[in-house]
Amino acid sequence: MKSREFYRSIRKPRWAPPAKIFSPVWTFLYVVIAASYGYVAYAFFAGGMPLAAAVPFALNLAFNIAYSPLQFGLRNFFLGSIDILLVLATLVWAMGAIYPYAPWVALVNIPYLAWVLFATVLQLAVAAMNS
């Protein structure tokens, strides 16, 4: 069963978006993430960004990548919930850490933060409904 089919098959709150919404939203967000996180990586490796500002971005990226395999590969609502909370926490940390060095990076990630906040609430609701 594919991710979209799995998503359709689970119990969700009435306010959950249809599966077809996720691809365009994440496509837009991945462009923002690639540009802003790419800048952070470039600035770090060029010596213009301290490690303390770059680490939360690396962790956020790792947790973001881990979400789909945990939630849709393993179909583990508990691990998916833990992971999305880590995505949220590291994103807030990253935005705070980068702001003194490159405020635009924090600001362009506001849509990502808004989506992750929504996704976190959705994930926790879905996990509660399906456990």
C-alpha atoms as a PDB file:
ATOM      1  CA  MET A   1       0.000   0.000   0.000  1.00  0.00           C
ATOM      2  CA  LYS A   2       1.423   3.372  -1.028  1.00  0.00           C
ATOM      3  CA  SER A   3       1.653   6.362   1.320  1.00  0.00           C
ATOM      4  CA  ARG A   4      -1.355   8.103  -0.212  1.00  0.00           C
ATOM      5  CA  GLU A   5      -3.442   4.918   0.034  1.00  0.00           C
ATOM      6  CA  PHE A   6      -2.307   4.381   3.615  1.00  0.00           C
ATOM      7  CA  TYR A   7      -3.238   7.974   4.470  1.00  0.00           C
ATOM      8  CA  ARG A   8      -6.707   7.444   2.993  1.00  0.00           C
ATOM      9  CA  SER A   9      -7.159   4.208   4.962  1.00  0.00           C
ATOM     10  CA  ILE A  10      -6.494   5.594   8.449  1.00  0.00           C
ATOM     11  CA  ARG A  11      -8.898   7.435  10.703  1.00  0.00           C
ATOM     12  CA  LYS A  12      -8.387  11.190  10.605  1.00  0.00           C
ATOM     13  CA  PRO A  13     -10.058  14.245  12.096  1.00  0.00           C
ATOM     14  CA  ARG A  14     -12.613  15.992   9.872  1.00  0.00           C
ATOM     15  CA  TRP A  15     -10.244  18.913   9.355  1.00  0.00           C
ATOM     16  CA  ALA A  16      -7.486  16.726   7.867  1.00  0.00           C
ATOM     17  CA  PRO A  17      -6.634  17.730   4.298  1.00  0.00           C
ATOM     18  CA  PRO A  18      -6.996  15.248   1.441  1.00  0.00           C
ATOM     19  CA  ALA A  19      -3.830  13.370   0.447  1.00  0.00           C
ATOM     20  CA  LYS A  20      -3.494  15.356  -2.794  1.00  0.00           C
ATOM     21  CA  ILE A  21      -2.766  18.547  -0.817  1.00  0.00           C
ATOM     22  CA  PHE A  22       0.497  17.270   0.651  1.00  0.00           C
ATOM     23  CA  SER A  23       2.535  17.042  -2.571  1.00  0.00           C
ATOM     24  CA  PRO A  24       2.114  20.671  -3.705  1.00  0.00           C
ATOM     25  CA  VAL A  25       2.600  22.020  -0.194  1.00  0.00           C
ATOM     26  CA  TRP A  26       5.774  20.012   0.355  1.00  0.00           C
ATOM     27  CA  THR A  27       7.072  20.891  -3.124  1.00  0.00           C
ATOM     28  CA  PHE A  28       6.844  24.581  -2.271  1.00  0.00           C
ATOM     29  CA  LEU A  29       8.337  24.031   1.178  1.00  0.00           C
ATOM     30  CA  TYR A  30      11.213  21.946  -0.150  1.00  0.00           C
ATOM     31  CA  VAL A  31      12.178  24.819  -2.475  1.00  0.00           C
ATOM     32  CA  VAL A  32      12.252  27.151   0.545  1.00  0.00           C
ATOM     33  CA  ILE A  33      14.152  24.566   2.605  1.00  0.00           C
ATOM     34  CA  ALA A  34      16.680  23.892  -0.164  1.00  0.00           C
ATOM     35  CA  ALA A  35      17.414  27.587  -0.697  1.00  0.00           C
ATOM     36  CA  SER A  36      17.619  28.587   2.939  1.00  0.00           C
ATOM     37  CA  TYR A  37      19.314  25.458   4.261  1.00  0.00           C
ATOM     38  CA  GLY A  38      21.682  25.530   1.279  1.00  0.00           C
ATOM     39  CA  TYR A  39      22.646  29.055   2.224  1.00  0.00           C
ATOM     40  CA  VAL A  40      23.302  27.994   5.821  1.00  0.00           C
ATOM     41  CA  ALA A  41      25.464  25.065   4.665  1.00  0.00           C
ATOM     42  CA  TYR A  42      27.386  27.275   2.238  1.00  0.00           C
ATOM     43  CA  ALA A  43      27.915  29.978   4.883  1.00  0.00           C
ATOM     44  CA  PHE A  44      29.055  27.400   7.429  1.00  0.00           C
ATOM     45  CA  PHE A  45      31.565  25.728   5.108  1.00  0.00           C
ATOM     46  CA  ALA A  46      32.811  29.129   3.899  1.00  0.00           C
ATOM     47  CA  GLY A  47      33.527  30.079   7.505  1.00  0.00           C
ATOM     48  CA  GLY A  48      30.807  32.711   7.849  1.00  0.00           C
ATOM     49  CA  MET A  49      28.411  30.747  10.033  1.00  0.00           C
ATOM     50  CA  PRO A  50      29.173  29.216  13.429  1.00  0.00           C
ATOM     51  CA  LEU A  51      28.523  25.545  14.063  1.00  0.00           C
ATOM     52  CA  ALA A  52      25.942  26.460  16.703  1.00  0.00           C
ATOM     53  CA  ALA A  53      23.790  28.087  14.005  1.00  0.00           C
ATOM     54  CA  ALA A  54      24.216  25.257  11.487  1.00  0.00           C
ATOM     55  CA  VAL A  55      23.616  22.222  13.734  1.00  0.00           C
ATOM     56  CA  PRO A  56      19.862  22.699  14.230  1.00  0.00           C
ATOM     57  CA  PHE A  57      19.394  22.924  10.446  1.00  0.00           C
ATOM     58  CA  ALA A  58      21.215  19.622   9.936  1.00  0.00           C
ATOM     59  CA  LEU A  59      19.176  17.958  12.663  1.00  0.00           C
ATOM     60  CA  ASN A  60      15.933  19.365  11.293  1.00  0.00           C
ATOM     61  CA  LEU A  61      16.750  18.037   7.851  1.00  0.00           C
ATOM     62  CA  ALA A  62      17.552  14.589   9.259  1.00  0.00           C
ATOM     63  CA  PHE A  63      14.313  14.449  11.254  1.00  0.00           C
ATOM     64  CA  ASN A  64      12.313  15.733   8.285  1.00  0.00           C
ATOM     65  CA  ILE A  65      13.769  13.002   6.046  1.00  0.00           C
ATOM     66  CA  ALA A  66      13.074  10.343   8.696  1.00  0.00           C
ATOM     67  CA  TYR A  67       9.365  11.166   9.038  1.00  0.00           C
ATOM     68  CA  SER A  68       7.976   9.410   5.943  1.00  0.00           C
ATOM     69  CA  PRO A  69       9.882   6.142   6.456  1.00  0.00           C
ATOM     70  CA  LEU A  70       8.798   6.053  10.096  1.00  0.00           C
ATOM     71  CA  GLN A  71       5.169   7.018   9.568  1.00  0.00           C
ATOM     72  CA  PHE A  72       4.423   5.553   6.143  1.00  0.00           C
ATOM     73  CA  GLY A  73       7.138   2.908   5.755  1.00  0.00           C
ATOM     74  CA  LEU A  74       6.944   1.386   9.218  1.00  0.00           C
ATOM     75  CA  ARG A  75       3.384   2.695   9.736  1.00  0.00           C
ATOM     76  CA  ASN A  76       4.368   3.555  13.264  1.00  0.00           C
ATOM     77  CA  PHE A  77       2.218   6.367  14.660  1.00  0.00           C
ATOM     78  CA  PHE A  78       4.257   6.620  17.857  1.00  0.00           C
ATOM     79  CA  LEU A  79       7.607   7.044  16.076  1.00  0.00           C
ATOM     80  CA  GLY A  80       5.990   9.386  13.556  1.00  0.00           C
ATOM     81  CA  SER A  81       4.696  11.500  16.425  1.00  0.00           C
ATOM     82  CA  ILE A  82       8.068  11.623  18.172  1.00  0.00           C
ATOM     83  CA  ASP A  83       9.746  12.518  14.903  1.00  0.00           C
ATOM     84  CA  ILE A  84       7.340  15.334  13.984  1.00  0.00           C
ATOM     85  CA  LEU A  85       7.840  16.813  17.463  1.00  0.00           C
ATOM     86  CA  LEU A  86      11.591  16.722  16.815  1.00  0.00           C
ATOM     87  CA  VAL A  87      11.055  18.381  13.416  1.00  0.00           C
ATOM     88  CA  LEU A  88       9.095  21.144  15.124  1.00  0.00           C
ATOM     89  CA  ALA A  89      11.602  21.592  17.968  1.00  0.00           C
ATOM     90  CA  THR A  90      14.650  21.699  15.703  1.00  0.00           C
ATOM     91  CA  LEU A  91      12.925  24.093  13.297  1.00  0.00           C
ATOM     92  CA  VAL A  92      12.156  26.554  16.094  1.00  0.00           C
ATOM     93  CA  TRP A  93      15.736  26.145  17.349  1.00  0.00           C
ATOM     94  CA  ALA A  94      17.130  26.650  13.826  1.00  0.00           C
ATOM     95  CA  MET A  95      15.091  29.787  13.210  1.00  0.00           C
ATOM     96  CA  GLY A  96      16.207  31.271  16.518  1.00  0.00           C
ATOM     97  CA  ALA A  97      19.842  30.291  15.997  1.00  0.00           C
ATOM     98  CA  ILE A  98      20.079  31.738  12.490  1.00  0.00           C
ATOM     99  CA  TYR A  99      18.242  34.997  13.070  1.00  0.00           C
ATOM    100  CA  PRO A 100      21.267  36.973  14.370  1.00  0.00           C
ATOM    101  CA  TYR A 101      23.347  35.917  11.322  1.00  0.00           C
ATOM    102  CA  ALA A 102      20.794  35.827   8.490  1.00  0.00           C
ATOM    103  CA  PRO A 103      17.345  37.047   9.507  1.00  0.00           C
ATOM    104  CA  TRP A 104      15.950  36.361   6.023  1.00  0.00           C
ATOM    105  CA  VAL A 105      16.563  32.620   6.528  1.00  0.00           C
ATOM    106  CA  ALA A 106      14.378  32.616   9.629  1.00  0.00           C
ATOM    107  CA  LEU A 107      11.700  34.702   7.930  1.00  0.00           C
ATOM    108  CA  VAL A 108      11.441  32.625   4.749  1.00  0.00           C
ATOM    109  CA  ASN A 109      10.959  29.540   6.914  1.00  0.00           C
ATOM    110  CA  ILE A 110       7.781  30.904   8.522  1.00  0.00           C
ATOM    111  CA  PRO A 111       5.559  28.971   6.044  1.00  0.00           C
ATOM    112  CA  TYR A 112       7.519  25.807   6.875  1.00  0.00           C
ATOM    113  CA  LEU A 113       6.980  26.489  10.586  1.00  0.00           C
ATOM    114  CA  ALA A 114       3.256  27.067  10.043  1.00  0.00           C
ATOM    115  CA  TRP A 115       2.939  23.798   8.115  1.00  0.00           C
ATOM    116  CA  VAL A 116       4.955  21.841  10.669  1.00  0.00           C
ATOM    117  CA  LEU A 117       2.768  23.208  13.476  1.00  0.00           C
ATOM    118  CA  PHE A 118      -0.314  22.063  11.561  1.00  0.00           C
ATOM    119  CA  ALA A 119       1.304  18.719  10.688  1.00  0.00           C
ATOM    120  CA  THR A 120       2.245  18.142  14.317  1.00  0.00           C
ATOM    121  CA  VAL A 121      -1.302  18.666  15.528  1.00  0.00           C
ATOM    122  CA  LEU A 122      -2.585  16.457  12.709  1.00  0.00           C
ATOM    123  CA  GLN A 123      -0.036  13.712  13.443  1.00  0.00           C
ATOM    124  CA  LEU A 124      -0.878  13.676  17.138  1.00  0.00           C
ATOM    125  CA  ALA A 125      -4.610  13.567  16.375  1.00  0.00           C
ATOM    126  CA  VAL A 126      -4.181  10.746  13.845  1.00  0.00           C
ATOM    127  CA  ALA A 127      -1.960   8.821  16.242  1.00  0.00           C
ATOM    128  CA  ALA A 128      -4.557   9.136  18.999  1.00  0.00           C
ATOM    129  CA  MET A 129      -7.367   8.048  16.669  1.00  0.00           C
ATOM    130  CA  ASN A 130      -5.493   5.015  15.339  1.00  0.00           C
ATOM    131  CA  SER A 131      -3.820   3.581  18.445  1.00  0.00           C
END
